[in-house]
């Protein structure tokens, strides 16, 4: 009588029976996060590091294309983004916007909002009619567009934590620069 195949089969059944037993554990306890560790400060701060700006990271994107993975100026500093604005309406009421409406249309999709009325001077500024030359402009930096719409009598203020822009009346008006137009006339013979 050949007992070896029978022994091998019996050992195999015993080993598989032992291997399939799942260990009995208690239900895992949920991990309670420490409320003090929910936020952290990122050490590679793009606003603090000068090395980040000197040597932006460049990666190969395609066979012959290298791209920068660093944010562009307008993505990093929202007031540096370029805006093009066209507020010209249709029909009779083409040019009937106020400075407030012009500022709000300029701020559309920029990440900033216009502040609420804060002082009588700012209320007066916001209620003024928008000059016709300000209905269509750009591309220009958002900071420059907002200062242009408010005029030289007001300076731009920004609350970065709320992403809110507002204006304050200047104490003294800046002296206007001499505007000279340089035209070159070249006569061809």
N, C-alpha and C. Protein backbone atom coordinates (compact mmCIF):
# COMPACT_ATOMS: atom_id res chain seq x y z
N UNK A 1 0.84 -1.17 0.00
CA UNK A 1 0.00 0.00 0.00
C UNK A 1 0.88 1.23 0.00
N UNK A 2 0.56 2.20 -0.86
CA UNK A 2 1.36 3.39 -1.03
C UNK A 2 0.72 4.52 -0.22
N UNK A 3 1.38 4.91 0.86
CA UNK A 3 0.82 5.92 1.77
C UNK A 3 1.29 7.33 1.43
N UNK A 4 2.29 7.49 0.61
CA UNK A 4 2.82 8.84 0.37
C UNK A 4 1.84 9.76 -0.34
N UNK A 5 1.07 9.35 -1.40
CA UNK A 5 0.12 10.30 -1.97
C UNK A 5 -0.96 10.67 -0.97
N UNK A 6 -1.37 9.71 -0.15
CA UNK A 6 -2.40 9.99 0.84
C UNK A 6 -1.89 10.98 1.88
N UNK A 7 -0.65 10.85 2.33
CA UNK A 7 -0.06 11.77 3.32
C UNK A 7 0.08 13.17 2.75
N UNK A 8 0.52 13.24 1.48
CA UNK A 8 0.66 14.56 0.87
C UNK A 8 -0.70 15.25 0.76
N UNK A 9 -1.75 14.53 0.40
CA UNK A 9 -3.08 15.11 0.28
C UNK A 9 -3.58 15.57 1.64
N UNK A 10 -3.35 14.76 2.68
CA UNK A 10 -3.79 15.11 4.02
C UNK A 10 -3.05 16.35 4.53
N UNK A 11 -1.76 16.41 4.29
CA UNK A 11 -0.97 17.59 4.71
C UNK A 11 -1.43 18.84 3.97
N UNK A 12 -1.73 18.70 2.68
CA UNK A 12 -2.20 19.85 1.89
C UNK A 12 -3.52 20.37 2.41
N UNK A 13 -4.46 19.47 2.76
CA UNK A 13 -5.75 19.89 3.28
C UNK A 13 -5.58 20.58 4.62
N UNK A 14 -4.73 20.04 5.48
CA UNK A 14 -4.51 20.65 6.78
C UNK A 14 -3.87 22.02 6.67
N UNK A 15 -2.89 22.15 5.76
CA UNK A 15 -2.21 23.44 5.62
C UNK A 15 -3.14 24.50 5.04
N UNK A 16 -3.95 24.14 4.06
CA UNK A 16 -4.86 25.13 3.49
C UNK A 16 -5.95 25.51 4.48
N UNK A 17 -6.36 24.59 5.30
CA UNK A 17 -7.36 24.90 6.32
C UNK A 17 -6.82 25.88 7.34
N UNK A 18 -5.56 25.76 7.70
CA UNK A 18 -4.95 26.68 8.66
C UNK A 18 -4.68 28.03 8.03
N UNK A 19 -4.34 28.01 6.75
CA UNK A 19 -3.98 29.27 6.09
C UNK A 19 -5.19 30.14 5.83
N UNK A 20 -6.38 29.58 5.70
CA UNK A 20 -7.56 30.37 5.38
C UNK A 20 -8.21 30.99 6.60
N UNK A 21 -7.78 30.65 7.78
CA UNK A 21 -8.37 31.24 8.96
C UNK A 21 -7.95 32.70 9.07
N UNK A 22 -8.93 33.57 9.13
CA UNK A 22 -8.63 35.00 9.27
C UNK A 22 -8.39 35.30 10.74
N UNK A 23 -7.39 36.08 11.04
CA UNK A 23 -7.15 36.42 12.44
C UNK A 23 -8.29 37.29 12.95
N UNK A 24 -8.68 37.08 14.17
CA UNK A 24 -9.77 37.82 14.78
C UNK A 24 -9.19 39.06 15.48
N UNK A 25 -9.57 40.23 14.93
CA UNK A 25 -9.12 41.49 15.50
C UNK A 25 -10.33 42.32 15.87
N UNK A 26 -10.12 43.24 16.79
CA UNK A 26 -11.17 44.18 17.13
C UNK A 26 -11.27 45.22 16.02
N UNK A 27 -12.39 45.89 15.91
CA UNK A 27 -12.57 46.94 14.89
C UNK A 27 -11.55 48.04 15.13
N UNK A 28 -10.93 48.54 14.05
CA UNK A 28 -9.93 49.59 14.24
C UNK A 28 -10.57 50.87 14.76
N UNK A 29 -9.89 51.50 15.66
CA UNK A 29 -10.36 52.75 16.24
C UNK A 29 -10.07 53.89 15.26
N UNK A 30 -11.03 54.77 14.99
CA UNK A 30 -10.75 55.89 14.09
C UNK A 30 -9.70 56.82 14.72
N UNK A 31 -8.84 57.32 13.86
CA UNK A 31 -7.78 58.21 14.33
C UNK A 31 -8.36 59.60 14.50
N UNK A 32 -8.21 60.16 15.66
CA UNK A 32 -8.69 61.50 15.94
C UNK A 32 -7.59 62.49 15.61
N UNK A 33 -7.80 63.35 14.60
CA UNK A 33 -6.74 64.32 14.27
C UNK A 33 -6.61 65.36 15.36
N UNK A 34 -5.39 65.76 15.58
CA UNK A 34 -5.11 66.82 16.53
C UNK A 34 -5.52 68.13 15.87
N UNK A 35 -6.43 68.92 16.47
CA UNK A 35 -6.89 70.13 15.80
C UNK A 35 -5.77 71.14 15.54
N UNK A 36 -4.69 71.05 16.26
CA UNK A 36 -3.59 71.97 16.05
C UNK A 36 -2.77 71.60 14.83
N UNK A 37 -2.91 70.38 14.33
CA UNK A 37 -2.11 69.94 13.20
C UNK A 37 -2.90 69.91 11.89
N UNK A 38 -4.07 70.54 11.83
CA UNK A 38 -4.86 70.54 10.61
C UNK A 38 -4.28 71.47 9.56
N UNK A 39 -3.57 72.48 9.96
CA UNK A 39 -2.93 73.39 9.00
C UNK A 39 -1.43 73.31 9.17
N UNK A 40 -0.75 73.59 8.09
CA UNK A 40 0.70 73.59 8.13
C UNK A 40 1.21 74.70 7.23
N UNK A 41 2.40 75.12 7.48
CA UNK A 41 3.03 76.16 6.67
C UNK A 41 3.89 75.47 5.63
N UNK A 42 3.68 75.82 4.38
CA UNK A 42 4.47 75.26 3.30
C UNK A 42 5.83 75.95 3.28
N UNK A 43 6.87 75.16 3.32
CA UNK A 43 8.21 75.73 3.41
C UNK A 43 8.71 76.31 2.10
N UNK A 44 8.32 75.74 0.97
CA UNK A 44 8.77 76.24 -0.33
C UNK A 44 7.82 77.35 -0.78
N UNK A 45 7.90 78.49 -0.14
CA UNK A 45 6.99 79.60 -0.38
C UNK A 45 7.44 80.39 -1.61
N UNK A 46 6.59 80.46 -2.63
CA UNK A 46 6.96 81.16 -3.86
C UNK A 46 7.03 82.67 -3.65
N UNK A 47 6.43 83.16 -2.58
CA UNK A 47 6.45 84.60 -2.32
C UNK A 47 7.66 85.01 -1.49
N UNK A 48 8.33 84.08 -0.85
CA UNK A 48 9.45 84.40 0.03
C UNK A 48 10.80 84.07 -0.58
N UNK A 49 10.87 83.09 -1.43
CA UNK A 49 12.15 82.59 -1.92
C UNK A 49 12.61 83.36 -3.16
N UNK A 50 13.80 83.90 -3.08
CA UNK A 50 14.36 84.57 -4.26
C UNK A 50 14.95 83.55 -5.22
N UNK A 51 15.39 82.40 -4.73
CA UNK A 51 15.92 81.34 -5.59
C UNK A 51 14.83 80.82 -6.52
N UNK A 52 13.61 80.80 -6.04
CA UNK A 52 12.49 80.32 -6.84
C UNK A 52 12.31 81.18 -8.08
N UNK A 53 12.48 82.48 -7.93
CA UNK A 53 12.30 83.38 -9.05
C UNK A 53 13.50 83.39 -9.98
N UNK A 54 14.70 83.19 -9.43
CA UNK A 54 15.90 83.20 -10.26
C UNK A 54 15.99 81.98 -11.17
N UNK A 55 15.66 80.83 -10.62
CA UNK A 55 15.82 79.58 -11.35
C UNK A 55 14.49 78.81 -11.38
N UNK A 56 13.56 79.19 -12.27
CA UNK A 56 12.30 78.46 -12.32
C UNK A 56 12.51 77.04 -12.85
N UNK A 57 11.69 76.14 -12.35
CA UNK A 57 11.81 74.74 -12.78
C UNK A 57 11.26 74.59 -14.20
N UNK A 58 12.03 73.94 -15.03
CA UNK A 58 11.64 73.70 -16.42
C UNK A 58 11.65 72.20 -16.65
N UNK A 59 10.58 71.71 -17.27
CA UNK A 59 10.49 70.28 -17.55
C UNK A 59 10.22 70.08 -19.04
N UNK A 60 10.59 68.90 -19.52
CA UNK A 60 10.32 68.55 -20.91
C UNK A 60 8.87 68.11 -21.00
N UNK A 61 8.10 68.76 -21.84
CA UNK A 61 6.69 68.48 -21.98
C UNK A 61 6.40 67.59 -23.18
N UNK A 62 7.14 67.78 -24.20
CA UNK A 62 6.98 67.02 -25.43
C UNK A 62 8.38 66.75 -25.94
N UNK A 63 8.48 66.25 -27.11
CA UNK A 63 9.80 65.91 -27.62
C UNK A 63 10.71 67.13 -27.71
N UNK A 64 10.18 68.24 -28.19
CA UNK A 64 11.00 69.44 -28.37
C UNK A 64 10.52 70.62 -27.54
N UNK A 65 9.62 70.41 -26.62
CA UNK A 65 9.03 71.50 -25.87
C UNK A 65 9.47 71.47 -24.42
N UNK A 66 10.02 72.59 -23.96
CA UNK A 66 10.33 72.76 -22.55
C UNK A 66 9.35 73.78 -22.00
N UNK A 67 8.77 73.49 -20.84
CA UNK A 67 7.84 74.43 -20.23
C UNK A 67 8.26 74.71 -18.80
N UNK A 68 7.89 75.88 -18.33
CA UNK A 68 8.15 76.26 -16.95
C UNK A 68 6.96 75.81 -16.11
N UNK A 69 7.24 75.22 -14.97
CA UNK A 69 6.17 74.81 -14.07
C UNK A 69 5.90 75.87 -13.01
N UNK A 70 6.56 76.99 -13.11
CA UNK A 70 6.36 78.09 -12.16
C UNK A 70 5.13 78.90 -12.58
N UNK A 71 4.42 79.47 -11.61
CA UNK A 71 3.28 80.32 -11.97
C UNK A 71 3.76 81.60 -12.64
N UNK A 72 2.96 82.08 -13.59
CA UNK A 72 3.29 83.33 -14.26
C UNK A 72 2.96 84.49 -13.31
N UNK A 73 3.42 85.67 -13.65
CA UNK A 73 3.23 86.83 -12.78
C UNK A 73 1.78 87.09 -12.41
N UNK A 74 0.87 87.04 -13.38
CA UNK A 74 -0.53 87.29 -13.11
C UNK A 74 -1.21 86.20 -12.32
N UNK A 75 -0.63 85.00 -12.32
CA UNK A 75 -1.18 83.92 -11.51
C UNK A 75 -0.71 84.03 -10.07
N UNK A 76 0.48 84.51 -9.91
CA UNK A 76 1.09 84.62 -8.58
C UNK A 76 0.67 85.91 -7.89
N UNK A 77 0.74 87.00 -8.60
CA UNK A 77 0.33 88.31 -8.09
C UNK A 77 -0.87 88.76 -8.91
N UNK A 78 -2.05 88.69 -8.32
CA UNK A 78 -3.28 88.91 -9.08
C UNK A 78 -3.39 90.32 -9.65
N UNK A 79 -2.79 91.30 -9.01
CA UNK A 79 -2.86 92.66 -9.55
C UNK A 79 -1.99 92.82 -10.80
N UNK A 80 -1.12 91.84 -11.08
CA UNK A 80 -0.26 91.91 -12.25
C UNK A 80 -0.87 91.21 -13.46
N UNK A 81 -2.06 90.60 -13.30
CA UNK A 81 -2.67 89.91 -14.44
C UNK A 81 -3.13 90.91 -15.48
N UNK A 82 -3.16 90.47 -16.73
CA UNK A 82 -3.57 91.34 -17.82
C UNK A 82 -5.07 91.27 -18.01
N UNK A 83 -5.68 92.42 -18.20
CA UNK A 83 -7.11 92.49 -18.47
C UNK A 83 -7.35 93.30 -19.73
N UNK A 84 -8.33 92.89 -20.48
CA UNK A 84 -8.85 93.65 -21.62
C UNK A 84 -10.33 93.85 -21.37
N UNK A 85 -10.78 95.08 -21.46
CA UNK A 85 -12.16 95.38 -21.09
C UNK A 85 -12.84 96.11 -22.23
N UNK A 86 -14.07 95.67 -22.52
CA UNK A 86 -14.91 96.34 -23.51
C UNK A 86 -16.29 96.49 -22.87
N UNK A 87 -16.62 97.70 -22.47
CA UNK A 87 -17.89 97.95 -21.78
C UNK A 87 -18.87 98.72 -22.66
N UNK A 88 -18.59 98.86 -23.94
CA UNK A 88 -19.45 99.62 -24.83
C UNK A 88 -20.76 98.87 -25.00
N UNK A 89 -21.85 99.54 -24.68
CA UNK A 89 -23.17 98.93 -24.80
C UNK A 89 -23.72 99.10 -26.20
N UNK A 90 -25.00 98.77 -26.35
CA UNK A 90 -25.66 98.89 -27.65
C UNK A 90 -26.81 99.88 -27.52
N UNK A 91 -27.10 100.52 -28.61
CA UNK A 91 -28.24 101.43 -28.64
C UNK A 91 -27.95 102.78 -28.05
N UNK A 92 -29.05 103.42 -27.54
CA UNK A 92 -28.95 104.76 -27.00
C UNK A 92 -28.12 104.85 -25.74
N UNK A 93 -28.22 103.85 -24.89
CA UNK A 93 -27.54 103.88 -23.59
C UNK A 93 -26.14 103.28 -23.66
N UNK A 94 -25.45 103.60 -24.71
CA UNK A 94 -24.12 103.06 -24.95
C UNK A 94 -23.11 103.48 -23.88
N UNK A 95 -23.19 104.73 -23.50
CA UNK A 95 -22.19 105.30 -22.59
C UNK A 95 -22.87 105.87 -21.35
N UNK A 96 -23.46 105.03 -20.53
CA UNK A 96 -24.16 105.49 -19.34
C UNK A 96 -23.72 104.78 -18.08
N UNK A 97 -22.53 104.28 -18.04
CA UNK A 97 -22.04 103.57 -16.85
C UNK A 97 -21.44 104.55 -15.85
N UNK A 98 -21.43 104.14 -14.58
CA UNK A 98 -20.75 104.91 -13.54
C UNK A 98 -19.36 104.33 -13.34
N UNK A 99 -18.53 105.04 -12.60
CA UNK A 99 -17.18 104.55 -12.31
C UNK A 99 -17.27 103.22 -11.54
N UNK A 100 -18.22 103.12 -10.62
CA UNK A 100 -18.40 101.86 -9.88
C UNK A 100 -18.68 100.70 -10.82
N UNK A 101 -19.59 100.89 -11.77
CA UNK A 101 -19.91 99.83 -12.72
C UNK A 101 -18.71 99.47 -13.59
N UNK A 102 -17.94 100.47 -13.97
CA UNK A 102 -16.73 100.21 -14.74
C UNK A 102 -15.70 99.42 -13.95
N UNK A 103 -15.55 99.77 -12.68
CA UNK A 103 -14.62 99.03 -11.82
C UNK A 103 -15.09 97.58 -11.62
N UNK A 104 -16.38 97.40 -11.42
CA UNK A 104 -16.91 96.04 -11.22
C UNK A 104 -16.73 95.19 -12.47
N UNK A 105 -16.97 95.77 -13.64
CA UNK A 105 -16.78 95.01 -14.89
C UNK A 105 -15.31 94.68 -15.11
N UNK A 106 -14.42 95.57 -14.71
CA UNK A 106 -12.99 95.32 -14.83
C UNK A 106 -12.56 94.21 -13.88
N UNK A 107 -13.16 94.14 -12.71
CA UNK A 107 -12.80 93.13 -11.71
C UNK A 107 -13.42 91.75 -11.97
N UNK A 108 -14.31 91.64 -12.96
CA UNK A 108 -14.93 90.34 -13.27
C UNK A 108 -13.86 89.29 -13.53
N UNK A 109 -13.97 88.16 -12.88
CA UNK A 109 -13.10 86.98 -13.08
C UNK A 109 -11.63 87.24 -12.76
N UNK A 110 -11.34 88.23 -11.92
CA UNK A 110 -9.95 88.48 -11.56
C UNK A 110 -9.61 87.95 -10.18
N UNK A 111 -10.62 87.58 -9.40
CA UNK A 111 -10.37 87.12 -8.04
C UNK A 111 -10.56 88.22 -7.01
N UNK A 112 -10.75 89.44 -7.45
CA UNK A 112 -10.95 90.56 -6.54
C UNK A 112 -12.39 91.04 -6.59
N UNK A 113 -12.82 91.66 -5.49
CA UNK A 113 -14.12 92.32 -5.44
C UNK A 113 -13.89 93.78 -5.06
N UNK A 114 -14.88 94.59 -5.36
CA UNK A 114 -14.81 96.00 -5.03
C UNK A 114 -15.38 96.19 -3.63
N UNK A 115 -14.75 97.06 -2.84
CA UNK A 115 -15.20 97.29 -1.47
C UNK A 115 -16.56 97.97 -1.45
N UNK A 116 -17.19 97.90 -0.30
CA UNK A 116 -18.44 98.64 -0.10
C UNK A 116 -18.09 100.12 0.07
N UNK A 117 -19.06 100.95 -0.09
CA UNK A 117 -18.83 102.39 0.05
C UNK A 117 -18.34 102.69 1.46
N UNK A 118 -17.24 103.41 1.55
CA UNK A 118 -16.63 103.62 2.85
C UNK A 118 -16.65 105.06 3.31
N UNK A 119 -16.55 105.99 2.41
CA UNK A 119 -16.50 107.40 2.81
C UNK A 119 -17.26 108.22 1.77
N UNK A 120 -17.63 109.45 2.12
CA UNK A 120 -18.35 110.29 1.15
C UNK A 120 -17.54 110.56 -0.12
N UNK A 121 -16.20 110.68 0.01
CA UNK A 121 -15.38 110.92 -1.17
C UNK A 121 -15.41 109.74 -2.13
N UNK A 122 -15.38 108.53 -1.57
CA UNK A 122 -15.39 107.33 -2.41
C UNK A 122 -16.78 107.13 -3.01
N UNK A 123 -17.83 107.45 -2.24
CA UNK A 123 -19.20 107.38 -2.78
C UNK A 123 -19.34 108.32 -3.96
N UNK A 124 -18.78 109.51 -3.83
CA UNK A 124 -18.82 110.48 -4.93
C UNK A 124 -18.07 109.94 -6.14
N UNK A 125 -16.88 109.35 -5.93
CA UNK A 125 -16.11 108.78 -7.04
C UNK A 125 -16.91 107.69 -7.74
N UNK A 126 -17.50 106.78 -6.98
CA UNK A 126 -18.22 105.65 -7.57
C UNK A 126 -19.45 106.09 -8.36
N UNK A 127 -20.05 107.23 -8.00
CA UNK A 127 -21.26 107.70 -8.67
C UNK A 127 -20.97 108.58 -9.88
N UNK A 128 -19.72 108.92 -10.12
CA UNK A 128 -19.38 109.74 -11.29
C UNK A 128 -19.60 108.94 -12.57
N UNK A 129 -19.93 109.63 -13.67
CA UNK A 129 -20.05 108.91 -14.94
C UNK A 129 -18.67 108.44 -15.42
N UNK A 130 -18.65 107.28 -16.01
CA UNK A 130 -17.40 106.72 -16.54
C UNK A 130 -17.03 107.47 -17.81
N UNK A 131 -15.80 108.00 -17.90
CA UNK A 131 -15.40 108.70 -19.13
C UNK A 131 -15.44 107.77 -20.35
N UNK A 132 -15.76 108.33 -21.47
CA UNK A 132 -15.90 107.56 -22.70
C UNK A 132 -14.61 106.82 -23.07
N UNK A 133 -13.47 107.40 -22.78
CA UNK A 133 -12.19 106.76 -23.12
C UNK A 133 -11.92 105.52 -22.27
N UNK A 134 -12.69 105.32 -21.20
CA UNK A 134 -12.48 104.16 -20.32
C UNK A 134 -13.42 102.99 -20.62
N UNK A 135 -14.20 103.10 -21.68
CA UNK A 135 -15.12 102.02 -22.00
C UNK A 135 -14.44 100.84 -22.68
N UNK A 136 -13.33 101.07 -23.31
CA UNK A 136 -12.63 99.99 -23.99
C UNK A 136 -11.13 100.24 -23.84
N UNK A 137 -10.44 99.28 -23.22
CA UNK A 137 -8.99 99.42 -23.03
C UNK A 137 -8.37 98.05 -22.84
N UNK A 138 -7.07 98.02 -22.95
CA UNK A 138 -6.31 96.80 -22.66
C UNK A 138 -5.69 96.23 -23.92
N UNK A 139 -4.90 95.23 -23.74
CA UNK A 139 -4.55 94.60 -22.47
C UNK A 139 -3.59 95.47 -21.64
N UNK A 140 -3.85 95.47 -20.34
CA UNK A 140 -2.98 96.16 -19.38
C UNK A 140 -3.10 95.46 -18.04
N UNK A 141 -2.15 95.74 -17.16
CA UNK A 141 -2.18 95.11 -15.85
C UNK A 141 -3.40 95.60 -15.08
N UNK A 142 -3.97 94.70 -14.29
CA UNK A 142 -5.15 95.03 -13.50
C UNK A 142 -4.91 96.22 -12.60
N UNK A 143 -3.75 96.27 -11.96
CA UNK A 143 -3.40 97.38 -11.08
C UNK A 143 -3.48 98.70 -11.83
N UNK A 144 -2.92 98.75 -13.04
CA UNK A 144 -2.93 99.98 -13.82
C UNK A 144 -4.34 100.34 -14.29
N UNK A 145 -5.12 99.33 -14.65
CA UNK A 145 -6.49 99.59 -15.10
C UNK A 145 -7.34 100.18 -13.98
N UNK A 146 -7.21 99.65 -12.78
CA UNK A 146 -7.99 100.16 -11.65
C UNK A 146 -7.58 101.58 -11.30
N UNK A 147 -6.28 101.85 -11.32
CA UNK A 147 -5.82 103.21 -11.02
C UNK A 147 -6.28 104.18 -12.11
N UNK A 148 -6.27 103.74 -13.36
CA UNK A 148 -6.71 104.58 -14.46
C UNK A 148 -8.19 104.93 -14.32
N UNK A 149 -9.03 103.94 -13.97
CA UNK A 149 -10.46 104.18 -13.84
C UNK A 149 -10.79 105.13 -12.68
N UNK A 150 -10.03 105.05 -11.59
CA UNK A 150 -10.29 105.90 -10.43
C UNK A 150 -9.76 107.31 -10.64
N UNK A 151 -8.72 107.46 -11.41
CA UNK A 151 -8.16 108.78 -11.66
C UNK A 151 -7.05 109.13 -10.68
N UNK A 152 -6.39 110.24 -10.95
CA UNK A 152 -5.21 110.60 -10.17
C UNK A 152 -5.54 111.13 -8.77
N UNK A 153 -6.80 111.46 -8.49
CA UNK A 153 -7.16 111.99 -7.18
C UNK A 153 -7.32 110.89 -6.13
N UNK A 154 -7.30 109.63 -6.56
CA UNK A 154 -7.50 108.51 -5.63
C UNK A 154 -6.39 107.49 -5.80
N UNK A 155 -6.02 106.86 -4.68
CA UNK A 155 -5.02 105.80 -4.76
C UNK A 155 -5.66 104.46 -4.44
N UNK A 156 -5.15 103.45 -5.06
CA UNK A 156 -5.67 102.09 -4.93
C UNK A 156 -5.21 101.48 -3.62
N UNK A 157 -6.13 100.88 -2.87
CA UNK A 157 -5.79 100.13 -1.66
C UNK A 157 -6.30 98.70 -1.85
N UNK A 158 -5.58 97.74 -1.27
CA UNK A 158 -5.92 96.33 -1.44
C UNK A 158 -5.93 95.65 -0.08
N UNK A 159 -6.96 94.87 0.19
CA UNK A 159 -7.01 94.00 1.35
C UNK A 159 -6.74 92.60 0.81
N UNK A 160 -5.50 92.12 0.97
CA UNK A 160 -5.12 90.84 0.38
C UNK A 160 -5.83 89.66 1.00
N UNK A 161 -6.16 89.73 2.28
CA UNK A 161 -6.81 88.58 2.91
C UNK A 161 -8.25 88.42 2.43
N UNK A 162 -8.92 89.52 2.08
CA UNK A 162 -10.28 89.44 1.55
C UNK A 162 -10.31 89.49 0.03
N UNK A 163 -9.17 89.78 -0.57
CA UNK A 163 -9.07 90.02 -2.02
C UNK A 163 -10.09 91.09 -2.44
N UNK A 164 -9.95 92.20 -1.77
CA UNK A 164 -10.87 93.31 -1.98
C UNK A 164 -10.07 94.55 -2.32
N UNK A 165 -10.52 95.29 -3.33
CA UNK A 165 -9.84 96.54 -3.69
C UNK A 165 -10.75 97.71 -3.33
N UNK A 166 -10.11 98.81 -2.97
CA UNK A 166 -10.83 100.02 -2.65
C UNK A 166 -9.94 101.21 -3.00
N UNK A 167 -10.41 102.38 -2.71
CA UNK A 167 -9.66 103.59 -3.04
C UNK A 167 -9.72 104.54 -1.87
N UNK A 168 -8.70 105.35 -1.76
CA UNK A 168 -8.65 106.42 -0.77
C UNK A 168 -8.31 107.71 -1.50
N UNK A 169 -8.83 108.79 -0.96
CA UNK A 169 -8.51 110.10 -1.53
C UNK A 169 -7.07 110.43 -1.21
N UNK A 170 -6.32 110.88 -2.20
CA UNK A 170 -4.92 111.27 -1.97
C UNK A 170 -4.87 112.56 -1.16
N UNK A 171 -3.86 112.66 -0.33
CA UNK A 171 -3.66 113.87 0.45
C UNK A 171 -3.22 114.99 -0.47
N UNK A 172 -2.27 114.70 -1.32
CA UNK A 172 -1.83 115.67 -2.33
C UNK A 172 -1.89 115.01 -3.69
N UNK A 173 -2.30 115.78 -4.66
CA UNK A 173 -2.35 115.26 -6.02
C UNK A 173 -0.95 115.19 -6.61
N UNK A 174 -0.67 114.13 -7.36
CA UNK A 174 0.64 114.07 -8.01
C UNK A 174 0.72 115.13 -9.11
N UNK A 175 1.88 115.69 -9.26
CA UNK A 175 2.04 116.68 -10.32
C UNK A 175 2.11 115.94 -11.66
N UNK A 176 1.33 116.38 -12.61
CA UNK A 176 1.33 115.69 -13.90
C UNK A 176 2.66 115.89 -14.62
N UNK A 177 3.07 114.85 -15.27
CA UNK A 177 4.30 114.92 -16.05
C UNK A 177 4.03 115.71 -17.33
N UNK A 178 5.06 116.30 -17.84
CA UNK A 178 4.93 117.01 -19.10
C UNK A 178 4.66 116.00 -20.20
N UNK A 179 3.60 116.22 -20.90
CA UNK A 179 3.26 115.33 -22.00
C UNK A 179 3.77 115.92 -23.29
N UNK A 180 4.74 115.27 -23.86
CA UNK A 180 5.26 115.71 -25.15
C UNK A 180 5.12 114.56 -26.11
N UNK A 181 4.71 114.88 -27.27
CA UNK A 181 4.57 113.86 -28.31
C UNK A 181 5.74 114.02 -29.25
N UNK A 182 6.46 112.96 -29.40
CA UNK A 182 7.63 112.98 -30.28
C UNK A 182 7.24 112.34 -31.60
N UNK A 183 7.30 113.15 -32.64
CA UNK A 183 6.94 112.68 -33.96
C UNK A 183 8.16 112.81 -34.86
N UNK A 184 8.48 111.73 -35.51
CA UNK A 184 9.60 111.77 -36.44
C UNK A 184 9.06 111.85 -37.85
N UNK A 185 9.49 112.85 -38.52
CA UNK A 185 9.11 113.00 -39.93
C UNK A 185 10.30 112.66 -40.78
N UNK A 186 10.10 111.73 -41.63
CA UNK A 186 11.18 111.33 -42.52
C UNK A 186 10.69 111.52 -43.96
N UNK A 187 11.39 112.34 -44.66
CA UNK A 187 11.00 112.61 -46.04
C UNK A 187 11.88 111.79 -46.96
N UNK A 188 11.23 110.99 -47.77
CA UNK A 188 11.98 110.16 -48.72
C UNK A 188 11.99 110.83 -50.06
N UNK A 189 13.14 110.84 -50.69
CA UNK A 189 13.26 111.46 -52.01
C UNK A 189 13.47 110.42 -53.05
